[in-house]
């Protein structure tokens, strides 16, 4: 790997790390390109080539991953979580969440609550009884 490639990778990693740290903040391509010290067009093209998705999609996915954790581990409302992770509207959050996870935030929370019982207990409880 040449020196130029290493430098480019470091710049893209710097921007991705910024997205990981500040996922809930309003981050746009101009801001991320400044962090990476490249032009906006070069940043978008190079980020996608390096990580396999656009910067916008990466940031959406990070926000949804954090939302998944909050839906599983807290009792905060879906609306509160939507804004906490950096989405500007509940509609965009729900649509993006469904496209990434495959179900709505509410359905995800219900499924996660059902999985909170240890598997050994669930299997024992669901086992057919021998009495007849």
N, C-alpha and C. Protein backbone atom coordinates (compact mmCIF):
# COMPACT_ATOMS: atom_id res chain seq x y z
N UNK A 1 0.86 -1.17 0.00
CA UNK A 1 0.00 0.00 0.00
C UNK A 1 0.90 1.23 0.00
N UNK A 2 0.62 2.14 -0.90
CA UNK A 2 1.43 3.34 -1.01
C UNK A 2 1.12 4.36 0.06
N UNK A 3 2.02 5.30 0.16
CA UNK A 3 1.87 6.36 1.16
C UNK A 3 0.60 7.18 0.94
N UNK A 4 0.27 7.45 -0.31
CA UNK A 4 -0.93 8.23 -0.61
C UNK A 4 -2.19 7.48 -0.16
N UNK A 5 -2.23 6.18 -0.37
CA UNK A 5 -3.38 5.36 0.04
C UNK A 5 -3.51 5.35 1.55
N UNK A 6 -2.39 5.21 2.24
CA UNK A 6 -2.41 5.23 3.71
C UNK A 6 -2.93 6.57 4.22
N UNK A 7 -2.50 7.65 3.60
CA UNK A 7 -2.94 8.99 4.00
C UNK A 7 -4.45 9.14 3.77
N UNK A 8 -4.93 8.66 2.64
CA UNK A 8 -6.36 8.73 2.34
C UNK A 8 -7.16 7.90 3.35
N UNK A 9 -6.68 6.70 3.64
CA UNK A 9 -7.37 5.85 4.62
C UNK A 9 -7.43 6.51 5.99
N UNK A 10 -6.34 7.12 6.40
CA UNK A 10 -6.32 7.82 7.69
C UNK A 10 -7.35 8.95 7.72
N UNK A 11 -7.45 9.67 6.62
CA UNK A 11 -8.40 10.78 6.55
C UNK A 11 -9.84 10.27 6.63
N UNK A 12 -10.12 9.19 5.94
CA UNK A 12 -11.47 8.63 5.97
C UNK A 12 -11.79 8.06 7.36
N UNK A 13 -10.81 7.44 7.98
CA UNK A 13 -11.00 6.92 9.34
C UNK A 13 -11.25 8.06 10.33
N UNK A 14 -10.57 9.17 10.13
CA UNK A 14 -10.76 10.32 11.00
C UNK A 14 -12.21 10.81 10.93
N UNK A 15 -12.75 10.87 9.71
CA UNK A 15 -14.14 11.31 9.54
C UNK A 15 -15.11 10.27 10.10
N UNK A 16 -14.84 8.98 9.84
CA UNK A 16 -15.72 7.94 10.37
C UNK A 16 -15.71 7.94 11.90
N UNK A 17 -14.54 8.12 12.49
CA UNK A 17 -14.45 8.19 13.95
C UNK A 17 -15.25 9.37 14.50
N UNK A 18 -15.23 10.49 13.78
CA UNK A 18 -16.02 11.65 14.20
C UNK A 18 -17.51 11.31 14.17
N UNK A 19 -17.94 10.56 13.15
CA UNK A 19 -19.35 10.14 13.08
C UNK A 19 -19.69 9.19 14.22
N UNK A 20 -18.77 8.31 14.56
CA UNK A 20 -19.01 7.37 15.66
C UNK A 20 -19.16 8.10 16.99
N UNK A 21 -18.34 9.13 17.18
CA UNK A 21 -18.37 9.88 18.44
C UNK A 21 -19.56 10.83 18.53
N UNK A 22 -19.87 11.51 17.43
CA UNK A 22 -20.87 12.58 17.46
C UNK A 22 -22.07 12.24 16.59
N UNK A 23 -22.48 10.97 16.60
CA UNK A 23 -23.58 10.52 15.73
C UNK A 23 -24.87 11.30 15.93
N UNK A 24 -25.10 11.81 17.12
CA UNK A 24 -26.36 12.51 17.42
C UNK A 24 -26.31 13.98 16.99
N UNK A 25 -25.15 14.46 16.61
CA UNK A 25 -25.00 15.85 16.17
C UNK A 25 -25.33 15.96 14.69
N UNK A 26 -25.72 17.16 14.26
CA UNK A 26 -25.97 17.34 12.83
C UNK A 26 -24.64 17.35 12.07
N UNK A 27 -24.34 16.26 11.41
CA UNK A 27 -23.11 16.14 10.63
C UNK A 27 -23.48 16.06 9.15
N UNK A 28 -22.91 16.94 8.36
CA UNK A 28 -23.18 16.91 6.93
C UNK A 28 -21.86 16.70 6.18
N UNK A 29 -21.97 16.49 4.88
CA UNK A 29 -20.78 16.21 4.07
C UNK A 29 -19.75 17.34 4.14
N UNK A 30 -20.14 18.62 4.07
CA UNK A 30 -19.13 19.66 4.18
C UNK A 30 -18.33 19.59 5.49
N UNK A 31 -19.02 19.33 6.59
CA UNK A 31 -18.35 19.22 7.89
C UNK A 31 -17.40 18.03 7.90
N UNK A 32 -17.87 16.89 7.42
CA UNK A 32 -17.04 15.68 7.42
C UNK A 32 -15.86 15.82 6.46
N UNK A 33 -16.07 16.47 5.33
CA UNK A 33 -14.98 16.69 4.38
C UNK A 33 -13.89 17.57 5.01
N UNK A 34 -14.32 18.58 5.78
CA UNK A 34 -13.34 19.43 6.48
C UNK A 34 -12.54 18.61 7.49
N UNK A 35 -13.21 17.71 8.20
CA UNK A 35 -12.51 16.85 9.17
C UNK A 35 -11.47 15.98 8.45
N UNK A 36 -11.83 15.51 7.26
CA UNK A 36 -10.93 14.64 6.49
C UNK A 36 -9.92 15.44 5.67
N UNK A 37 -10.06 16.76 5.62
CA UNK A 37 -9.16 17.64 4.86
C UNK A 37 -9.16 17.32 3.37
N UNK A 38 -10.37 17.11 2.82
CA UNK A 38 -10.53 16.88 1.37
C UNK A 38 -11.77 17.63 0.90
N UNK A 39 -11.94 17.71 -0.42
CA UNK A 39 -13.14 18.36 -0.97
C UNK A 39 -14.36 17.49 -0.70
N UNK A 40 -15.54 18.08 -0.79
CA UNK A 40 -16.78 17.36 -0.52
C UNK A 40 -16.99 16.21 -1.50
N UNK A 41 -16.79 16.47 -2.79
CA UNK A 41 -16.98 15.43 -3.80
C UNK A 41 -15.98 14.29 -3.60
N UNK A 42 -14.74 14.64 -3.33
CA UNK A 42 -13.72 13.62 -3.11
C UNK A 42 -14.04 12.81 -1.85
N UNK A 43 -14.51 13.50 -0.82
CA UNK A 43 -14.84 12.81 0.42
C UNK A 43 -15.93 11.77 0.20
N UNK A 44 -17.03 12.18 -0.42
CA UNK A 44 -18.15 11.26 -0.62
C UNK A 44 -17.72 10.06 -1.46
N UNK A 45 -17.02 10.31 -2.54
CA UNK A 45 -16.57 9.24 -3.43
C UNK A 45 -15.60 8.30 -2.72
N UNK A 46 -14.64 8.86 -2.01
CA UNK A 46 -13.61 8.05 -1.35
C UNK A 46 -14.17 7.30 -0.15
N UNK A 47 -15.07 7.92 0.61
CA UNK A 47 -15.68 7.25 1.75
C UNK A 47 -16.43 6.01 1.28
N UNK A 48 -17.20 6.18 0.22
CA UNK A 48 -17.96 5.03 -0.30
C UNK A 48 -17.03 3.93 -0.80
N UNK A 49 -15.97 4.31 -1.47
CA UNK A 49 -15.02 3.31 -1.98
C UNK A 49 -14.31 2.61 -0.83
N UNK A 50 -14.05 3.33 0.25
CA UNK A 50 -13.32 2.77 1.38
C UNK A 50 -14.20 1.88 2.26
N UNK A 51 -15.42 2.34 2.55
CA UNK A 51 -16.27 1.64 3.53
C UNK A 51 -17.49 0.95 2.92
N UNK A 52 -17.72 1.12 1.64
CA UNK A 52 -18.80 0.40 0.98
C UNK A 52 -20.19 1.00 1.14
N UNK A 53 -20.28 2.20 1.70
CA UNK A 53 -21.56 2.90 1.81
C UNK A 53 -21.29 4.39 1.89
N UNK A 54 -22.31 5.17 1.60
CA UNK A 54 -22.14 6.62 1.63
C UNK A 54 -21.99 7.10 3.07
N UNK A 55 -21.41 8.28 3.26
CA UNK A 55 -21.31 8.82 4.63
C UNK A 55 -22.69 8.97 5.27
N UNK A 56 -23.67 9.40 4.50
CA UNK A 56 -25.02 9.58 5.04
C UNK A 56 -25.59 8.25 5.53
N UNK A 57 -25.44 7.20 4.74
CA UNK A 57 -25.97 5.89 5.13
C UNK A 57 -25.23 5.35 6.36
N UNK A 58 -23.91 5.56 6.41
CA UNK A 58 -23.14 5.11 7.57
C UNK A 58 -23.65 5.80 8.83
N UNK A 59 -23.86 7.11 8.74
CA UNK A 59 -24.33 7.86 9.91
C UNK A 59 -25.73 7.41 10.32
N UNK A 60 -26.60 7.16 9.35
CA UNK A 60 -27.93 6.66 9.67
C UNK A 60 -27.84 5.31 10.38
N UNK A 61 -26.98 4.44 9.88
CA UNK A 61 -26.84 3.12 10.49
C UNK A 61 -26.33 3.22 11.92
N UNK A 62 -25.37 4.09 12.17
CA UNK A 62 -24.85 4.28 13.54
C UNK A 62 -25.97 4.77 14.46
N UNK A 63 -26.78 5.71 13.97
CA UNK A 63 -27.88 6.22 14.78
C UNK A 63 -28.90 5.13 15.09
N UNK A 64 -29.20 4.31 14.10
CA UNK A 64 -30.16 3.21 14.30
C UNK A 64 -29.59 2.19 15.27
N UNK A 65 -28.30 1.88 15.18
CA UNK A 65 -27.68 0.94 16.13
C UNK A 65 -27.82 1.45 17.55
N UNK A 66 -27.61 2.74 17.75
CA UNK A 66 -27.75 3.32 19.09
C UNK A 66 -29.22 3.29 19.53
N UNK A 67 -30.12 3.56 18.60
CA UNK A 67 -31.54 3.51 18.91
C UNK A 67 -31.95 2.09 19.31
N UNK A 68 -31.41 1.09 18.64
CA UNK A 68 -31.73 -0.29 18.98
C UNK A 68 -31.35 -0.57 20.42
N UNK A 69 -30.17 -0.12 20.83
CA UNK A 69 -29.73 -0.31 22.21
C UNK A 69 -30.70 0.37 23.18
N UNK A 70 -31.06 1.63 22.89
CA UNK A 70 -31.95 2.37 23.78
C UNK A 70 -33.34 1.75 23.83
N UNK A 71 -33.81 1.22 22.72
CA UNK A 71 -35.13 0.57 22.71
C UNK A 71 -35.12 -0.69 23.57
N UNK A 72 -33.99 -1.41 23.55
CA UNK A 72 -33.88 -2.64 24.35
C UNK A 72 -33.67 -2.34 25.83
N UNK A 73 -32.88 -1.34 26.14
CA UNK A 73 -32.38 -1.15 27.50
C UNK A 73 -33.07 -0.05 28.30
N UNK A 74 -33.92 0.74 27.67
CA UNK A 74 -34.60 1.82 28.41
C UNK A 74 -36.09 1.75 28.14
N UNK A 75 -36.83 2.53 28.90
CA UNK A 75 -38.27 2.61 28.66
C UNK A 75 -38.64 3.98 28.07
N UNK A 76 -37.66 4.68 27.54
CA UNK A 76 -37.92 5.97 26.92
C UNK A 76 -38.81 5.79 25.71
N UNK A 77 -39.57 6.81 25.38
CA UNK A 77 -40.49 6.72 24.24
C UNK A 77 -39.70 6.67 22.93
N UNK A 78 -40.33 6.13 21.92
CA UNK A 78 -39.71 6.05 20.60
C UNK A 78 -39.37 7.46 20.11
N UNK A 79 -40.25 8.40 20.37
CA UNK A 79 -40.02 9.79 19.95
C UNK A 79 -38.79 10.37 20.64
N UNK A 80 -38.65 10.16 21.95
CA UNK A 80 -37.48 10.65 22.67
C UNK A 80 -36.20 10.04 22.10
N UNK A 81 -36.23 8.75 21.85
CA UNK A 81 -35.05 8.07 21.31
C UNK A 81 -34.72 8.59 19.92
N UNK A 82 -35.73 8.81 19.11
CA UNK A 82 -35.55 9.36 17.77
C UNK A 82 -34.71 10.63 17.81
N UNK A 83 -35.09 11.57 18.65
CA UNK A 83 -34.38 12.84 18.73
C UNK A 83 -33.05 12.70 19.45
N UNK A 84 -32.97 11.82 20.42
CA UNK A 84 -31.72 11.62 21.16
C UNK A 84 -30.60 11.12 20.26
N UNK A 85 -30.93 10.26 19.31
CA UNK A 85 -29.89 9.70 18.45
C UNK A 85 -29.60 10.57 17.23
N UNK A 86 -30.31 11.68 17.06
CA UNK A 86 -29.95 12.64 16.03
C UNK A 86 -30.86 12.74 14.83
N UNK A 87 -32.01 12.06 14.84
CA UNK A 87 -32.95 12.21 13.73
C UNK A 87 -33.77 13.47 13.95
N UNK A 88 -34.14 14.14 12.87
CA UNK A 88 -34.89 15.38 12.95
C UNK A 88 -36.39 15.20 12.94
N UNK A 89 -36.85 14.01 12.54
CA UNK A 89 -38.29 13.77 12.53
C UNK A 89 -38.57 12.31 12.82
N UNK A 90 -39.72 12.07 13.42
CA UNK A 90 -40.11 10.70 13.77
C UNK A 90 -40.36 9.88 12.50
N UNK A 91 -40.91 10.50 11.48
CA UNK A 91 -41.18 9.80 10.23
C UNK A 91 -39.91 9.29 9.57
N UNK A 92 -38.90 10.14 9.50
CA UNK A 92 -37.61 9.74 8.91
C UNK A 92 -36.96 8.65 9.75
N UNK A 93 -37.03 8.80 11.06
CA UNK A 93 -36.47 7.79 11.95
C UNK A 93 -37.14 6.44 11.73
N UNK A 94 -38.47 6.42 11.74
CA UNK A 94 -39.19 5.15 11.59
C UNK A 94 -38.92 4.51 10.24
N UNK A 95 -38.93 5.31 9.19
CA UNK A 95 -38.67 4.78 7.83
C UNK A 95 -37.23 4.23 7.73
N UNK A 96 -36.27 4.97 8.25
CA UNK A 96 -34.87 4.53 8.21
C UNK A 96 -34.67 3.29 9.06
N UNK A 97 -35.26 3.28 10.25
CA UNK A 97 -35.14 2.14 11.16
C UNK A 97 -35.68 0.88 10.48
N UNK A 98 -36.85 0.99 9.87
CA UNK A 98 -37.46 -0.16 9.21
C UNK A 98 -36.61 -0.63 8.03
N UNK A 99 -36.02 0.28 7.29
CA UNK A 99 -35.22 -0.13 6.13
C UNK A 99 -33.93 -0.84 6.56
N UNK A 100 -33.40 -0.49 7.71
CA UNK A 100 -32.16 -1.10 8.19
C UNK A 100 -32.43 -2.36 9.00
N UNK A 101 -33.41 -2.33 9.89
CA UNK A 101 -33.67 -3.42 10.82
C UNK A 101 -34.70 -4.42 10.28
N UNK A 102 -35.62 -3.93 9.46
CA UNK A 102 -36.63 -4.82 8.90
C UNK A 102 -37.97 -4.78 9.61
N UNK A 103 -38.05 -3.98 10.65
CA UNK A 103 -39.33 -3.79 11.36
C UNK A 103 -39.32 -2.43 12.03
N UNK A 104 -40.47 -2.00 12.49
CA UNK A 104 -40.60 -0.67 13.09
C UNK A 104 -39.90 -0.65 14.45
N UNK A 105 -39.56 0.54 14.94
CA UNK A 105 -38.96 0.64 16.28
C UNK A 105 -39.84 0.00 17.36
N UNK A 106 -41.14 0.22 17.27
CA UNK A 106 -42.07 -0.34 18.27
C UNK A 106 -42.05 -1.87 18.22
N UNK A 107 -42.11 -2.43 17.01
CA UNK A 107 -42.07 -3.89 16.88
C UNK A 107 -40.73 -4.45 17.34
N UNK A 108 -39.65 -3.72 17.06
CA UNK A 108 -38.33 -4.15 17.52
C UNK A 108 -38.30 -4.21 19.05
N UNK A 109 -38.84 -3.18 19.69
CA UNK A 109 -38.86 -3.15 21.15
C UNK A 109 -39.65 -4.32 21.72
N UNK A 110 -40.81 -4.61 21.14
CA UNK A 110 -41.62 -5.73 21.60
C UNK A 110 -40.86 -7.05 21.48
N UNK A 111 -40.20 -7.25 20.35
CA UNK A 111 -39.42 -8.47 20.13
C UNK A 111 -38.24 -8.57 21.08
N UNK A 112 -37.59 -7.44 21.34
CA UNK A 112 -36.45 -7.44 22.25
C UNK A 112 -36.90 -7.75 23.67
N UNK A 113 -38.08 -7.28 24.05
CA UNK A 113 -38.60 -7.56 25.41
C UNK A 113 -38.89 -9.04 25.55
N UNK A 114 -39.39 -9.66 24.49
CA UNK A 114 -39.68 -11.10 24.55
C UNK A 114 -38.41 -11.92 24.67
N UNK A 115 -37.31 -11.40 24.16
CA UNK A 115 -36.04 -12.13 24.22
C UNK A 115 -35.28 -11.91 25.52
N UNK A 116 -35.81 -11.10 26.42
CA UNK A 116 -35.07 -10.80 27.64
C UNK A 116 -35.10 -11.95 28.65
N UNK A 117 -35.93 -12.95 28.42
CA UNK A 117 -35.96 -14.12 29.28
C UNK A 117 -34.85 -15.05 28.84
N UNK A 118 -34.04 -15.57 29.78
CA UNK A 118 -32.97 -16.50 29.38
C UNK A 118 -33.51 -17.69 28.59
N UNK A 119 -32.79 -18.10 27.60
CA UNK A 119 -33.23 -19.16 26.70
C UNK A 119 -33.57 -20.44 27.44
N UNK A 120 -32.77 -20.81 28.45
CA UNK A 120 -33.03 -22.06 29.16
C UNK A 120 -34.39 -22.04 29.85
N UNK A 121 -34.79 -20.86 30.38
CA UNK A 121 -36.11 -20.74 31.02
C UNK A 121 -37.21 -20.82 29.98
N UNK A 122 -37.02 -20.12 28.87
CA UNK A 122 -38.04 -20.13 27.82
C UNK A 122 -38.23 -21.53 27.26
N UNK A 123 -37.14 -22.25 27.06
CA UNK A 123 -37.25 -23.61 26.52
C UNK A 123 -37.95 -24.53 27.53
N UNK A 124 -37.62 -24.41 28.80
CA UNK A 124 -38.25 -25.25 29.82
C UNK A 124 -39.74 -24.93 29.93
N UNK A 125 -40.08 -23.66 29.85
CA UNK A 125 -41.48 -23.24 29.96
C UNK A 125 -42.30 -23.71 28.76
N UNK A 126 -41.66 -23.68 27.57
CA UNK A 126 -42.38 -24.04 26.35
C UNK A 126 -42.35 -25.54 26.07
N UNK A 127 -41.58 -26.31 26.82
CA UNK A 127 -41.48 -27.76 26.60
C UNK A 127 -42.83 -28.42 26.88
N UNK A 128 -43.26 -29.31 26.01
CA UNK A 128 -44.54 -30.00 26.27
C UNK A 128 -44.45 -30.81 27.56
N UNK A 129 -45.53 -30.79 28.30
CA UNK A 129 -45.51 -31.54 29.56
C UNK A 129 -45.72 -33.03 29.28
N UNK A 130 -45.24 -33.86 30.21
CA UNK A 130 -45.38 -35.30 30.02
C UNK A 130 -46.70 -35.81 30.60
N UNK A 131 -47.39 -34.95 31.38
CA UNK A 131 -48.68 -35.40 31.90
C UNK A 131 -49.75 -35.22 30.85
N UNK A 132 -50.71 -36.04 30.92
CA UNK A 132 -51.57 -36.00 29.84
C UNK A 132 -52.95 -35.86 29.92
